Amino acid sequence: MTTDVVAPLLLVLAALGYYRRCATLARGGRPVARWRQLSFGASLAVLAAADLPPLSGIAEDVLVGHMAQHLLIGDLAGLLFALGLTGPVLQPVLAIPWLRWLRALGNPLIAFPLWAASLYLWHLAILYEGVLDSSPLHLAQHASFFSFGLAMWLPLVGPLPTPSWFGDGAKLVYVIAVRFAGAVLANVLIWSGTPLYPGYAAGEAERGIGPLADQGAAGNLMMIETGIVTLALFTWLFFRAASRSTEKQELLDLAERHGVPLEEDRARRAVAAGQGERLRQRILSGDPGREAPGSA
């Protein structure tokens, strides 16, 4: 099976598996939100577009085109994919004994180093230029960017359990750390003063762009993309923190009015896990129940 067939096949299998699971959950009365399904579909569309003309052709010739591919695959597609996931969607996958280790990716101290190591390793000249002459290596590079990009986003927006200390403030620090790691690489490309990837020389000459101009454009593209994503994430985290604070207080007030004992930390964890409505119904029933591990 050629590498040109592998990537589309994986996308088709991912789509079939995801939407089949969504249909199963809908029949069981636990539908996946439409916006999450759209987000997942958009991630697959981004992955497909990144490997199709005209971008695929540009990426073979110039560094800025290759950088655009990687930002789409590792950053945007990874983020959209993570937003499409929920605990119930992932349940069958995490139930497989040899895949239970995936739960560890909810820990930012594991996800971030893996992503950063992948980012910098693949930008070593021997590997970054090596993909120009090796389709299998190119496929491995794209799979790595997507997989570790997804891992990087999971602690922030994914459904996996995160450490108790990883609250909204820690998430802001996490975003800054991720964007800083990318900014360092972008600045190396912009200010190095030396072509780091001479393997692109022929394509750059054909398209009429100098090596340093191409390299600087790639770095600037990375800076612009990371800046936009960072601003969007900061805005999202701010409004989510405010919304969660309001929901937590509403649950505490509701419990007080109904004479149901409810600890503030219990309400906070329920809201953070997206189980606020479930806890609300328990309060209204007069019995909030005992908190099971990982639930409300």
C-alpha atoms as a PDB file:
ATOM      1  CA  MET A   1       0.000   0.000   0.000  1.00  0.00           C
ATOM      2  CA  THR A   2       1.504   3.341  -1.101  1.00  0.00           C
ATOM      3  CA  THR A   3       1.792   6.316   1.212  1.00  0.00           C
ATOM      4  CA  ASP A   4      -0.549   8.267  -1.107  1.00  0.00           C
ATOM      5  CA  VAL A   5      -3.301   5.813  -0.145  1.00  0.00           C
ATOM      6  CA  VAL A   6      -2.510   5.497   3.566  1.00  0.00           C
ATOM      7  CA  ALA A   7      -3.364   9.075   4.591  1.00  0.00           C
ATOM      8  CA  PRO A   8      -6.793   9.230   2.879  1.00  0.00           C
ATOM      9  CA  LEU A   9      -7.630   5.753   4.194  1.00  0.00           C
ATOM     10  CA  LEU A  10      -6.833   6.806   7.754  1.00  0.00           C
ATOM     11  CA  LEU A  11      -9.069   9.867   7.385  1.00  0.00           C
ATOM     12  CA  VAL A  12     -11.940   7.735   6.097  1.00  0.00           C
ATOM     13  CA  LEU A  13     -11.539   5.232   8.942  1.00  0.00           C
ATOM     14  CA  ALA A  14     -11.427   8.045  11.511  1.00  0.00           C
ATOM     15  CA  ALA A  15     -14.619   9.564  10.091  1.00  0.00           C
ATOM     16  CA  LEU A  16     -16.435   6.223  10.030  1.00  0.00           C
ATOM     17  CA  GLY A  17     -15.401   5.356  13.576  1.00  0.00           C
ATOM     18  CA  TYR A  18     -16.268   8.765  15.004  1.00  0.00           C
ATOM     19  CA  TYR A  19     -19.666   9.225  13.405  1.00  0.00           C
ATOM     20  CA  ARG A  20     -20.656   5.627  14.045  1.00  0.00           C
ATOM     21  CA  ARG A  21     -19.889   6.214  17.726  1.00  0.00           C
ATOM     22  CA  CYS A  22     -21.897   9.467  17.645  1.00  0.00           C
ATOM     23  CA  ALA A  23     -24.880   7.577  16.200  1.00  0.00           C
ATOM     24  CA  THR A  24     -24.594   4.931  18.931  1.00  0.00           C
ATOM     25  CA  LEU A  25     -24.503   7.590  21.655  1.00  0.00           C
ATOM     26  CA  ALA A  26     -27.489   9.409  20.120  1.00  0.00           C
ATOM     27  CA  ARG A  27     -29.552   6.210  20.181  1.00  0.00           C
ATOM     28  CA  GLY A  28     -28.640   5.789  23.842  1.00  0.00           C
ATOM     29  CA  GLY A  29     -29.809   9.259  24.745  1.00  0.00           C
ATOM     30  CA  ARG A  30     -26.319  10.774  25.013  1.00  0.00           C
ATOM     31  CA  PRO A  31     -25.938  12.732  21.760  1.00  0.00           C
ATOM     32  CA  VAL A  32     -22.682  14.485  20.932  1.00  0.00           C
ATOM     33  CA  ALA A  33     -23.208  18.220  20.488  1.00  0.00           C
ATOM     34  CA  ARG A  34     -23.542  19.252  16.860  1.00  0.00           C
ATOM     35  CA  TRP A  35     -20.749  21.794  17.148  1.00  0.00           C
ATOM     36  CA  ARG A  36     -18.381  19.058  18.299  1.00  0.00           C
ATOM     37  CA  GLN A  37     -19.303  16.861  15.351  1.00  0.00           C
ATOM     38  CA  LEU A  38     -18.739  19.793  12.995  1.00  0.00           C
ATOM     39  CA  SER A  39     -15.399  20.502  14.646  1.00  0.00           C
ATOM     40  CA  PHE A  40     -14.278  16.903  14.159  1.00  0.00           C
ATOM     41  CA  GLY A  41     -15.377  16.955  10.518  1.00  0.00           C
ATOM     42  CA  ALA A  42     -13.555  20.250   9.998  1.00  0.00           C
ATOM     43  CA  SER A  43     -10.353  18.752  11.390  1.00  0.00           C
ATOM     44  CA  LEU A  44     -10.489  15.933   8.842  1.00  0.00           C
ATOM     45  CA  ALA A  45     -11.192  18.457   6.072  1.00  0.00           C
ATOM     46  CA  VAL A  46      -8.155  20.520   7.127  1.00  0.00           C
ATOM     47  CA  LEU A  47      -5.967  17.416   7.147  1.00  0.00           C
ATOM     48  CA  ALA A  48      -7.157  16.485   3.664  1.00  0.00           C
ATOM     49  CA  ALA A  49      -6.694  20.022   2.291  1.00  0.00           C
ATOM     50  CA  ALA A  50      -3.141  20.215   3.656  1.00  0.00           C
ATOM     51  CA  ASP A  51      -2.085  17.299   1.449  1.00  0.00           C
ATOM     52  CA  LEU A  52      -3.929  18.380  -1.699  1.00  0.00           C
ATOM     53  CA  PRO A  53      -3.004  20.850  -4.471  1.00  0.00           C
ATOM     54  CA  PRO A  54      -2.199  23.657  -4.562  1.00  0.00           C
ATOM     55  CA  LEU A  55      -0.656  23.589  -1.080  1.00  0.00           C
ATOM     56  CA  SER A  56       0.985  20.165  -1.485  1.00  0.00           C
ATOM     57  CA  GLY A  57       2.811  21.351  -4.603  1.00  0.00           C
ATOM     58  CA  ILE A  58       3.953  24.607  -3.005  1.00  0.00           C
ATOM     59  CA  ALA A  59       5.162  22.720   0.077  1.00  0.00           C
ATOM     60  CA  GLU A  60       7.479  20.601  -2.079  1.00  0.00           C
ATOM     61  CA  ASP A  61       9.191  23.708  -3.452  1.00  0.00           C
ATOM     62  CA  VAL A  62       9.406  26.320  -0.708  1.00  0.00           C
ATOM     63  CA  LEU A  63       9.799  26.326   3.037  1.00  0.00           C
ATOM     64  CA  VAL A  64       6.897  28.707   3.677  1.00  0.00           C
ATOM     65  CA  GLY A  65       4.545  26.276   1.931  1.00  0.00           C
ATOM     66  CA  HIS A  66       5.800  23.408   4.057  1.00  0.00           C
ATOM     67  CA  MET A  67       5.370  25.526   7.178  1.00  0.00           C
ATOM     68  CA  ALA A  68       1.768  26.304   6.181  1.00  0.00           C
ATOM     69  CA  GLN A  69       1.121  22.558   5.889  1.00  0.00           C
ATOM     70  CA  HIS A  70       2.524  21.892   9.325  1.00  0.00           C
ATOM     71  CA  LEU A  71       0.576  24.674  11.004  1.00  0.00           C
ATOM     72  CA  LEU A  72      -2.636  23.359   9.479  1.00  0.00           C
ATOM     73  CA  ILE A  73      -1.884  19.748  10.444  1.00  0.00           C
ATOM     74  CA  GLY A  74      -0.316  20.133  13.874  1.00  0.00           C
ATOM     75  CA  ASP A  75      -2.038  23.242  15.184  1.00  0.00           C
ATOM     76  CA  LEU A  76      -5.421  23.839  13.568  1.00  0.00           C
ATOM     77  CA  ALA A  77      -6.427  20.244  12.753  1.00  0.00           C
ATOM     78  CA  GLY A  78      -5.188  19.046  16.149  1.00  0.00           C
ATOM     79  CA  LEU A  79      -7.228  21.720  17.947  1.00  0.00           C
ATOM     80  CA  LEU A  80     -10.407  21.003  15.959  1.00  0.00           C
ATOM     81  CA  PHE A  81      -9.990  17.255  16.498  1.00  0.00           C
ATOM     82  CA  ALA A  82      -9.602  17.714  20.271  1.00  0.00           C
ATOM     83  CA  LEU A  83     -12.696  19.929  20.400  1.00  0.00           C
ATOM     84  CA  GLY A  84     -14.659  17.184  18.658  1.00  0.00           C
ATOM     85  CA  LEU A  85     -13.905  14.614  21.339  1.00  0.00           C
ATOM     86  CA  THR A  86     -15.911  13.835  24.469  1.00  0.00           C
ATOM     87  CA  GLY A  87     -15.505  11.290  27.237  1.00  0.00           C
ATOM     88  CA  PRO A  88     -18.271   9.010  25.883  1.00  0.00           C
ATOM     89  CA  VAL A  89     -16.799   9.185  22.379  1.00  0.00           C
ATOM     90  CA  LEU A  90     -13.400   8.072  23.639  1.00  0.00           C
ATOM     91  CA  GLN A  91     -14.728   5.461  26.063  1.00  0.00           C
ATOM     92  CA  PRO A  92     -14.387   2.436  23.712  1.00  0.00           C
ATOM     93  CA  VAL A  93     -10.836   3.480  22.786  1.00  0.00           C
ATOM     94  CA  LEU A  94      -9.710   4.013  26.371  1.00  0.00           C
ATOM     95  CA  ALA A  95     -11.255   0.662  27.365  1.00  0.00           C
ATOM     96  CA  ILE A  96      -8.724  -1.161  25.167  1.00  0.00           C
ATOM     97  CA  PRO A  97      -6.031  -2.382  27.609  1.00  0.00           C
ATOM     98  CA  TRP A  98      -3.033  -1.410  25.467  1.00  0.00           C
ATOM     99  CA  LEU A  99      -4.435   2.090  24.853  1.00  0.00           C
ATOM    100  CA  ARG A 100      -5.185   3.041  28.454  1.00  0.00           C
ATOM    101  CA  TRP A 101      -1.889   4.936  28.545  1.00  0.00           C
ATOM    102  CA  LEU A 102      -3.605   7.604  26.429  1.00  0.00           C
ATOM    103  CA  ARG A 103      -5.223   8.894  29.640  1.00  0.00           C
ATOM    104  CA  ALA A 104      -1.793  10.231  30.621  1.00  0.00           C
ATOM    105  CA  LEU A 105      -2.022  12.786  27.803  1.00  0.00           C
ATOM    106  CA  GLY A 106      -4.441  14.761  29.970  1.00  0.00           C
ATOM    107  CA  ASN A 107      -1.400  15.725  32.055  1.00  0.00           C
ATOM    108  CA  PRO A 108       0.235  18.873  30.631  1.00  0.00           C
ATOM    109  CA  LEU A 109       3.590  17.847  32.106  1.00  0.00           C
ATOM    110  CA  ILE A 110       3.524  14.859  29.754  1.00  0.00           C
ATOM    111  CA  ALA A 111       1.762  16.309  26.708  1.00  0.00           C
ATOM    112  CA  PHE A 112       3.820  19.496  26.425  1.00  0.00           C
ATOM    113  CA  PRO A 113       7.318  17.914  26.433  1.00  0.00           C
ATOM    114  CA  LEU A 114       6.215  15.316  23.875  1.00  0.00           C
ATOM    115  CA  TRP A 115       4.884  18.022  21.559  1.00  0.00           C
ATOM    116  CA  ALA A 116       7.930  20.280  21.980  1.00  0.00           C
ATOM    117  CA  ALA A 117      10.363  17.409  21.387  1.00  0.00           C
ATOM    118  CA  SER A 118       8.522  16.431  18.206  1.00  0.00           C
ATOM    119  CA  LEU A 119       8.417  20.036  16.966  1.00  0.00           C
ATOM    120  CA  TYR A 120      12.141  20.648  17.350  1.00  0.00           C
ATOM    121  CA  LEU A 121      13.256  17.173  16.281  1.00  0.00           C
ATOM    122  CA  TRP A 122      11.428  17.357  12.949  1.00  0.00           C
ATOM    123  CA  HIS A 123      12.898  20.802  12.264  1.00  0.00           C
ATOM    124  CA  LEU A 124      16.436  19.435  12.307  1.00  0.00           C
ATOM    125  CA  ALA A 125      17.754  19.857   8.769  1.00  0.00           C
ATOM    126  CA  ILE A 126      18.476  16.166   8.271  1.00  0.00           C
ATOM    127  CA  LEU A 127      14.815  15.281   8.862  1.00  0.00           C
ATOM    128  CA  TYR A 128      13.132  18.415   7.517  1.00  0.00           C
ATOM    129  CA  GLU A 129      14.952  18.075   4.199  1.00  0.00           C
ATOM    130  CA  GLY A 130      14.827  14.302   4.265  1.00  0.00           C
ATOM    131  CA  VAL A 131      11.067  14.297   3.727  1.00  0.00           C
ATOM    132  CA  LEU A 132      11.581  15.918   0.307  1.00  0.00           C
ATOM    133  CA  ASP A 133      12.998  12.654  -1.037  1.00  0.00           C
ATOM    134  CA  SER A 134      11.072  10.119   1.056  1.00  0.00           C
ATOM    135  CA  SER A 135       7.302   9.730   0.970  1.00  0.00           C
ATOM    136  CA  PRO A 136       7.235   7.354   3.984  1.00  0.00           C
ATOM    137  CA  LEU A 137       9.292   9.822   6.023  1.00  0.00           C
ATOM    138  CA  HIS A 138       7.001  12.662   4.924  1.00  0.00           C
ATOM    139  CA  LEU A 139       3.950  10.678   6.030  1.00  0.00           C
ATOM    140  CA  ALA A 140       5.644   9.933   9.358  1.00  0.00           C
ATOM    141  CA  GLN A 141       6.407  13.630   9.800  1.00  0.00           C
ATOM    142  CA  HIS A 142       2.812  14.684   9.176  1.00  0.00           C
ATOM    143  CA  ALA A 143       1.474  11.903  11.405  1.00  0.00           C
ATOM    144  CA  SER A 144       3.853  13.020  14.146  1.00  0.00           C
ATOM    145  CA  PHE A 145       2.903  16.692  13.860  1.00  0.00           C
ATOM    146  CA  PHE A 146      -0.781  15.824  14.055  1.00  0.00           C
ATOM    147  CA  SER A 147      -0.500  13.241  16.846  1.00  0.00           C
ATOM    148  CA  PHE A 148       1.682  15.329  19.120  1.00  0.00           C
ATOM    149  CA  GLY A 149      -0.224  18.488  18.206  1.00  0.00           C
ATOM    150  CA  LEU A 150      -3.403  16.737  19.322  1.00  0.00           C
ATOM    151  CA  ALA A 151      -1.639  15.588  22.492  1.00  0.00           C
ATOM    152  CA  MET A 152      -0.621  19.199  23.178  1.00  0.00           C
ATOM    153  CA  TRP A 153      -4.230  20.411  22.889  1.00  0.00           C
ATOM    154  CA  LEU A 154      -5.837  17.615  24.948  1.00  0.00           C
ATOM    155  CA  PRO A 155      -5.002  19.003  28.427  1.00  0.00           C
ATOM    156  CA  LEU A 156      -6.414  22.357  27.386  1.00  0.00           C
ATOM    157  CA  VAL A 157      -9.638  21.491  25.532  1.00  0.00           C
ATOM    158  CA  GLY A 158      -9.897  17.700  25.526  1.00  0.00           C
ATOM    159  CA  PRO A 159     -12.047  15.363  27.639  1.00  0.00           C
ATOM    160  CA  LEU A 160      -9.233  13.480  29.373  1.00  0.00           C
ATOM    161  CA  PRO A 161      -8.917  13.970  33.151  1.00  0.00           C
ATOM    162  CA  THR A 162      -6.399  16.651  34.076  1.00  0.00           C
ATOM    163  CA  PRO A 163      -4.499  17.189  37.367  1.00  0.00           C
ATOM    164  CA  SER A 164      -6.404  19.074  40.065  1.00  0.00           C
ATOM    165  CA  TRP A 165      -3.845  21.905  39.962  1.00  0.00           C
ATOM    166  CA  PHE A 166      -4.433  22.526  36.243  1.00  0.00           C
ATOM    167  CA  GLY A 167      -7.069  25.227  36.615  1.00  0.00           C
ATOM    168  CA  ASP A 168      -7.759  28.256  34.448  1.00  0.00           C
ATOM    169  CA  GLY A 169      -4.678  30.119  35.678  1.00  0.00           C
ATOM    170  CA  ALA A 170      -2.435  27.155  34.948  1.00  0.00           C
ATOM    171  CA  LYS A 171      -4.042  26.825  31.522  1.00  0.00           C
ATOM    172  CA  LEU A 172      -3.036  30.406  30.716  1.00  0.00           C
ATOM    173  CA  VAL A 173       0.557  29.588  31.662  1.00  0.00           C
ATOM    174  CA  TYR A 174       0.345  26.446  29.523  1.00  0.00           C
ATOM    175  CA  VAL A 175      -0.782  28.429  26.478  1.00  0.00           C
ATOM    176  CA  ILE A 176       2.068  30.898  26.995  1.00  0.00           C
ATOM    177  CA  ALA A 177       4.591  28.049  27.276  1.00  0.00           C
ATOM    178  CA  VAL A 178       3.317  26.415  24.080  1.00  0.00           C
ATOM    179  CA  ARG A 179       3.323  29.675  22.140  1.00  0.00           C
ATOM    180  CA  PHE A 180       6.780  30.595  23.488  1.00  0.00           C
ATOM    181  CA  ALA A 181       8.215  27.274  22.307  1.00  0.00           C
ATOM    182  CA  GLY A 182       6.834  27.955  18.837  1.00  0.00           C
ATOM    183  CA  ALA A 183       7.992  31.579  18.873  1.00  0.00           C
ATOM    184  CA  VAL A 184      11.574  30.539  19.622  1.00  0.00           C
ATOM    185  CA  LEU A 185      11.642  28.332  16.532  1.00  0.00           C
ATOM    186  CA  ALA A 186       9.978  31.046  14.441  1.00  0.00           C
ATOM    187  CA  ASN A 187      12.588  33.606  15.507  1.00  0.00           C
ATOM    188  CA  VAL A 188      15.413  31.219  14.645  1.00  0.00           C
ATOM    189  CA  LEU A 189      13.994  30.985  11.126  1.00  0.00           C
ATOM    190  CA  ILE A 190      13.541  34.755  10.842  1.00  0.00           C
ATOM    191  CA  TRP A 191      16.859  35.927  12.273  1.00  0.00           C
ATOM    192  CA  SER A 192      19.354  33.131  11.580  1.00  0.00           C
ATOM    193  CA  GLY A 193      20.923  34.978   8.630  1.00  0.00           C
ATOM    194  CA  THR A 194      21.879  31.617   7.126  1.00  0.00           C
ATOM    195  CA  PRO A 195      19.740  29.281   5.025  1.00  0.00           C
ATOM    196  CA  LEU A 196      19.014  26.342   7.324  1.00  0.00           C
ATOM    197  CA  TYR A 197      17.412  24.131   4.666  1.00  0.00           C
ATOM    198  CA  PRO A 198      19.400  24.357   1.392  1.00  0.00           C
ATOM    199  CA  GLY A 199      17.419  21.406   0.052  1.00  0.00           C
ATOM    200  CA  TYR A 200      14.722  23.893  -0.973  1.00  0.00           C
ATOM    201  CA  ALA A 201      17.108  25.917  -3.165  1.00  0.00           C
ATOM    202  CA  ALA A 202      15.885  24.500  -6.487  1.00  0.00           C
ATOM    203  CA  GLY A 203      12.219  25.080  -5.702  1.00  0.00           C
ATOM    204  CA  GLU A 204      12.928  28.551  -4.338  1.00  0.00           C
ATOM    205  CA  ALA A 205      14.800  29.491  -7.520  1.00  0.00           C
ATOM    206  CA  GLU A 206      11.966  28.135  -9.670  1.00  0.00           C
ATOM    207  CA  ARG A 207       9.409  30.218  -7.782  1.00  0.00           C
ATOM    208  CA  GLY A 208      11.601  33.307  -7.677  1.00  0.00           C
ATOM    209  CA  ILE A 209      12.155  33.602  -3.933  1.00  0.00           C
ATOM    210  CA  GLY A 210      15.484  33.769  -2.133  1.00  0.00           C
ATOM    211  CA  PRO A 211      16.387  31.212   0.566  1.00  0.00           C
ATOM    212  CA  LEU A 212      16.491  33.770   3.382  1.00  0.00           C
ATOM    213  CA  ALA A 213      13.274  35.436   2.215  1.00  0.00           C
ATOM    214  CA  ASP A 214      11.571  32.040   2.100  1.00  0.00           C
ATOM    215  CA  GLN A 215      12.889  31.106   5.531  1.00  0.00           C
ATOM    216  CA  GLY A 216      11.852  34.472   6.982  1.00  0.00           C
ATOM    217  CA  ALA A 217       8.387  34.133   5.474  1.00  0.00           C
ATOM    218  CA  ALA A 218       8.037  30.714   7.101  1.00  0.00           C
ATOM    219  CA  GLY A 219       9.038  32.123  10.481  1.00  0.00           C
ATOM    220  CA  ASN A 220       6.717  35.108  10.147  1.00  0.00           C
ATOM    221  CA  LEU A 221       3.829  32.861   9.117  1.00  0.00           C
ATOM    222  CA  MET A 222       4.430  30.817  12.260  1.00  0.00           C
ATOM    223  CA  MET A 223       4.505  33.960  14.410  1.00  0.00           C
ATOM    224  CA  ILE A 224       1.276  35.317  12.905  1.00  0.00           C
ATOM    225  CA  GLU A 225      -0.580  32.009  13.259  1.00  0.00           C
ATOM    226  CA  THR A 226       0.538  31.467  16.846  1.00  0.00           C
ATOM    227  CA  GLY A 227      -0.382  35.049  17.732  1.00  0.00           C
ATOM    228  CA  ILE A 228      -3.922  34.673  16.379  1.00  0.00           C
ATOM    229  CA  VAL A 229      -4.426  31.318  18.115  1.00  0.00           C
ATOM    230  CA  THR A 230      -3.020  32.660  21.392  1.00  0.00           C
ATOM    231  CA  LEU A 231      -5.356  35.669  21.362  1.00  0.00           C
ATOM    232  CA  ALA A 232      -8.335  33.410  20.607  1.00  0.00           C
ATOM    233  CA  LEU A 233      -7.384  31.018  23.413  1.00  0.00           C
ATOM    234  CA  PHE A 234      -6.901  33.789  25.953  1.00  0.00           C
ATOM    235  CA  THR A 235     -10.331  35.179  25.070  1.00  0.00           C
ATOM    236  CA  TRP A 236     -11.906  31.720  25.308  1.00  0.00           C
ATOM    237  CA  LEU A 237     -10.246  30.947  28.657  1.00  0.00           C
ATOM    238  CA  PHE A 238     -11.366  34.286  30.099  1.00  0.00           C
ATOM    239  CA  PHE A 239     -15.012  33.829  29.174  1.00  0.00           C
ATOM    240  CA  ARG A 240     -14.990  30.155  30.165  1.00  0.00           C
ATOM    241  CA  ALA A 241     -13.578  30.995  33.601  1.00  0.00           C
ATOM    242  CA  ALA A 242     -16.292  33.602  34.103  1.00  0.00           C
ATOM    243  CA  SER A 243     -18.994  31.183  32.945  1.00  0.00           C
ATOM    244  CA  ARG A 244     -17.759  28.402  35.200  1.00  0.00           C
ATOM    245  CA  SER A 245     -17.603  30.712  38.208  1.00  0.00           C
ATOM    246  CA  THR A 246     -21.209  31.757  37.609  1.00  0.00           C
ATOM    247  CA  GLU A 247     -22.392  28.161  37.142  1.00  0.00           C
ATOM    248  CA  LYS A 248     -20.594  27.010  40.287  1.00  0.00           C
ATOM    249  CA  GLN A 249     -22.209  29.735  42.360  1.00  0.00           C
ATOM    250  CA  GLU A 250     -25.642  28.907  40.931  1.00  0.00           C
ATOM    251  CA  LEU A 251     -25.207  25.272  41.979  1.00  0.00           C
ATOM    252  CA  LEU A 252     -24.160  26.290  45.497  1.00  0.00           C
ATOM    253  CA  ASP A 253     -27.118  28.658  45.799  1.00  0.00           C
ATOM    254  CA  LEU A 254     -29.502  25.987  44.491  1.00  0.00           C
ATOM    255  CA  ALA A 255     -28.198  23.450  46.986  1.00  0.00           C
ATOM    256  CA  GLU A 256     -28.580  25.931  49.846  1.00  0.00           C
ATOM    257  CA  ARG A 257     -32.171  26.711  48.874  1.00  0.00           C
ATOM    258  CA  HIS A 258     -33.059  23.018  48.786  1.00  0.00           C
ATOM    259  CA  GLY A 259     -31.184  22.195  51.983  1.00  0.00           C
ATOM    260  CA  VAL A 260     -28.814  19.851  50.158  1.00  0.00           C
ATOM    261  CA  PRO A 261     -25.222  19.740  51.454  1.00  0.00           C
ATOM    262  CA  LEU A 262     -22.768  20.618  48.696  1.00  0.00           C
ATOM    263  CA  GLU A 263     -19.107  21.462  49.100  1.00  0.00           C
ATOM    264  CA  GLU A 264     -17.715  24.247  46.958  1.00  0.00           C
ATOM    265  CA  ASP A 265     -14.914  22.008  45.653  1.00  0.00           C
ATOM    266  CA  ARG A 266     -17.483  19.413  44.583  1.00  0.00           C
ATOM    267  CA  ALA A 267     -19.384  22.042  42.598  1.00  0.00           C
ATOM    268  CA  ARG A 268     -16.165  23.314  41.037  1.00  0.00           C
ATOM    269  CA  ARG A 269     -15.105  19.849  39.889  1.00  0.00           C
ATOM    270  CA  ALA A 270     -18.560  19.132  38.457  1.00  0.00           C
ATOM    271  CA  VAL A 271     -18.546  22.352  36.446  1.00  0.00           C
ATOM    272  CA  ALA A 272     -14.977  21.773  35.237  1.00  0.00           C
ATOM    273  CA  ALA A 273     -15.920  18.289  34.033  1.00  0.00           C
ATOM    274  CA  GLY A 274     -18.974  19.582  32.187  1.00  0.00           C
ATOM    275  CA  GLN A 275     -21.279  17.797  34.628  1.00  0.00           C
ATOM    276  CA  GLY A 276     -22.957  20.876  36.080  1.00  0.00           C
ATOM    277  CA  GLU A 277     -26.399  20.010  34.703  1.00  0.00           C
ATOM    278  CA  ARG A 278     -26.123  16.450  36.015  1.00  0.00           C
ATOM    279  CA  LEU A 279     -25.309  17.744  39.493  1.00  0.00           C
ATOM    280  CA  ARG A 280     -28.154  20.265  39.216  1.00  0.00           C
ATOM    281  CA  GLN A 281     -30.638  17.439  38.619  1.00  0.00           C
ATOM    282  CA  ARG A 282     -29.271  15.527  41.601  1.00  0.00           C
ATOM    283  CA  ILE A 283     -29.694  18.573  43.810  1.00  0.00           C
ATOM    284  CA  LEU A 284     -33.279  19.028  42.632  1.00  0.00           C
ATOM    285  CA  SER A 285     -33.954  15.380  43.471  1.00  0.00           C
ATOM    286  CA  GLY A 286     -32.741  16.074  47.003  1.00  0.00           C
ATOM    287  CA  ASP A 287     -29.851  13.630  46.807  1.00  0.00           C
ATOM    288  CA  PRO A 288     -26.604  14.792  45.145  1.00  0.00           C
ATOM    289  CA  GLY A 289     -25.268  11.270  45.519  1.00  0.00           C
ATOM    290  CA  ARG A 290     -21.728  10.203  46.171  1.00  0.00           C
ATOM    291  CA  GLU A 291     -19.094  11.434  43.754  1.00  0.00           C
ATOM    292  CA  ALA A 292     -17.640   8.653  41.659  1.00  0.00           C
ATOM    293  CA  PRO A 293     -14.013   8.998  40.457  1.00  0.00           C
ATOM    294  CA  GLY A 294     -13.895  11.259  37.439  1.00  0.00           C
ATOM    295  CA  SER A 295     -17.582  12.159  37.588  1.00  0.00           C
ATOM    296  CA  ALA A 296     -19.831  14.742  39.160  1.00  0.00           C
END
